[in-house]
């Protein structure tokens, strides 16, 4: 199952045993009917009423006399407490308790058997009462009206000391919301009573609304009113200083009836006919700490063949309307659509039909979400009873009396990765696992194992590339806000493949109009998201294009022997050294793969340049973040890029039982072919994004290539730039390979492909006439550069032991003269002791070989 509900509270497990023990204690004491006792046949009356901001749960039941009893379950101490008993056969509409548990507000009605439960009798009253419960004392009637009232105490963010004033919201079926100011005082020690109970100031918070939702955790009220038949979403933030502010207004392109009335998260919606949920619209607002603002909406069902639902991503400036096929006409929908807030995701769930995990942090591409249909057992993983999504991924099942925490099932998603054959499901599941990773090293090891065994399984995207980018992104994402705008989240920039069973339409939407000018916390992040949508043209997303140009410039200068300021280059290499040190500090276990064992100047330059460019990029856009923190984030990010490559290699080497001794040249095994293929795929993934590789990667790759490939294939790989001839790799070849005919051909083919500066060094390591010939040719070329022919004597001085071959003698004399000149000395500066005598001997050996003597 992709989603698990981890139980935080269960009425039958956490309350019923306590009620039974209370009744047993009462019976033993000879008490009858009082206290919190309850008869067995009245257990079905036990139900949850409300969940307060501090996590405490208010419930109610009827005792053996039909009295209404209120109880509270403390989520911290896991203890139950009796709050109050109404000695009348009443039905509870709503209940709330203040943070100090000194006041209880309740709304109750009296029903008759002849009337429906959700209809008031003509002339009957809905009583809204305020009760002093510390200790039980006076009861104050707040309202007695012919319409339903819901109650909700406000909870301040600071709970360190008792408050002299409490604030209570009254939500009326007549479409208005009031805030009541309640002052309390202490008498006779700890006795808390109302102060001036005859006068409780009230102020109107909202009116003429058709829908409202309460966010208990953030103390926010969302509501919709209709202006000229247009739905407008508004939000009020309640603060600890007794104030409340209208934060924003946002037009919504949805159809609501002016005669309708719907409340979300104001306690148990017991008055609604649960059997007809599928016939009503579903609407809820979800936020998270990164400044997201989503409105999820599903209209009334008008077809048994498909269902439509929309998500308004206000923090991104667009909406997506999804249409999901339900299968056959006979597959009736008897349950309503459920939206669940899962922090970075929103789950859309229709029991028996589909389960859709929507990526709200990065909603642009449908492949970054996960859509599962009725062909998978996952669509029946949640209860079929109506679920209510509260703050912090909490899910309340009113029918069973369970409060749970919804979490993505990582083991299921990992197994799903192994089994699914569809690219879009692999992509969606991969991002789900990484974003919800509670044990990143374990999860990444499992993903790498999967990648190693399915290296070519994806056709729509590069699996290694996607994993490198996504895992590096999530490694530093929690460090600061706005990172989703600054760093790439995925290697895939467009997705045109259809996903069976679902279609979508994307539309731009008007942005919320902020009604305040000073922002803190969530509101600051939301405002930042909105400002980004307005003014970030072009987008701020980092890419390595600037690094690529600068790197090619530096490498070109290095090949020609010219370098710009040494201070500049030294700073770049120092940056690279910081990355490597940072990486080694995070990974203390010894590596099996022989990486980081050579200088590898090109990769160090690339690393250092990326550090410099990425740091400048973040400093430009992360205003208010310390420079030192940004520098560390950059090091962590680039270290992670390299570490992922190292982990993939390490896993492959261990799986195939390779050892550094494998590089001693002999016949290649099937395991070495596999690892070489994986390294080639890693190179393809990083090259297209121009990402650095661990120093030594190219050397290792080339040596494995020499092991695994026939000569013509090897040279093809070298000429196409897949294999790079590093100085370390070629030096190893020259020293370790003997001078058999096959190896001579290999060595010569490699030497002629080397850059001149490296080629001259390598030739001196190969004691072979062919190498001497190359060295001699280079020596002569340097000596005769800019040579002007001078008149010479016809007589040639023959030294003892010289060869009787006049052209050669004449040529050697010219070389000797050039070597003695100051100009030639300058040209030869920095080269080994190669002289005219060496050239003469090499020429004779070469001629001898050609003549077969």
Foldseek 3Di string as FASTA:
>chain_A
DQKDWFFLDFCVVLPVVVLVVVQVVCVVVVHPDDDSHADPVFVLQWFWFAQFQQRKTKIWTAHPQQKIWIKIQRSVVSDIDTFDIHNDNWDWDHKEAAPVRQKIWTWIWHDDPVDDPLAHDVPTWTWIWIFGPLPGDDIDTPDTDRWGKFKYWAYAPDDPDDDQWTWMWIQTPQFWIKIWIWGWDDDPPRRIDTDPSVDIDMDTDGGLFQEWEAANNQGKIWTWHADVQWTKIWMWGQHNVRDIDTFWIFTDPDGDDSNHHYYANSTDPVSDDQQCQLQAKDWDWDDAQQQWIKIKIWHRDPAQFKGKIKIAGLLQQKIKIKIFGQDDRPNGQRGHWDWADDHQWIWIAGALFKIKTARSLDRPASLQIAIGTNVDPVNHPDDRADWHYHPPQWIARRSRNTITHMAGDLVVLLVVCLPDQDQSNVNNSLLNCLLRPPPVVVSLLSLLVSCLVCQPSDDPDHSLLFNLQQNLLSVCVVVDHPSPQAEDNGPDDDDDDDDPRMDMDMDGGDHIDTPDDDDDRSSVSNVVSNVCNVPPVVTLYDACPVLVVVLVVQVVCVLVVHHPDPVVLVQLLVQLVLLVVVLCVVPVDDFQDPFPPDDQSSLSNSNSSQLVVSLVSCVVPVPPDDSVSSSVSSSSSLSSSQVSVSSSLRVLCVVLVHGPVQLLADADDPSLVSSLVVLLSVCVSCVVRVRGYTHPSLLVSLSSCVRHDDLVVSLVCPVVPSHDDDLVNLLCLQPRDDVDPRSVVSNVSVLVVDRVVSSQVSLVSHPDLVSLQVNLVVLVCLLCVVPDDDDDDPDQDDDPPDDPDVVLSVVLVSQQVSCPDPVSVVSCPPHPPDGSVSSSVSVVVVVCVVVVD
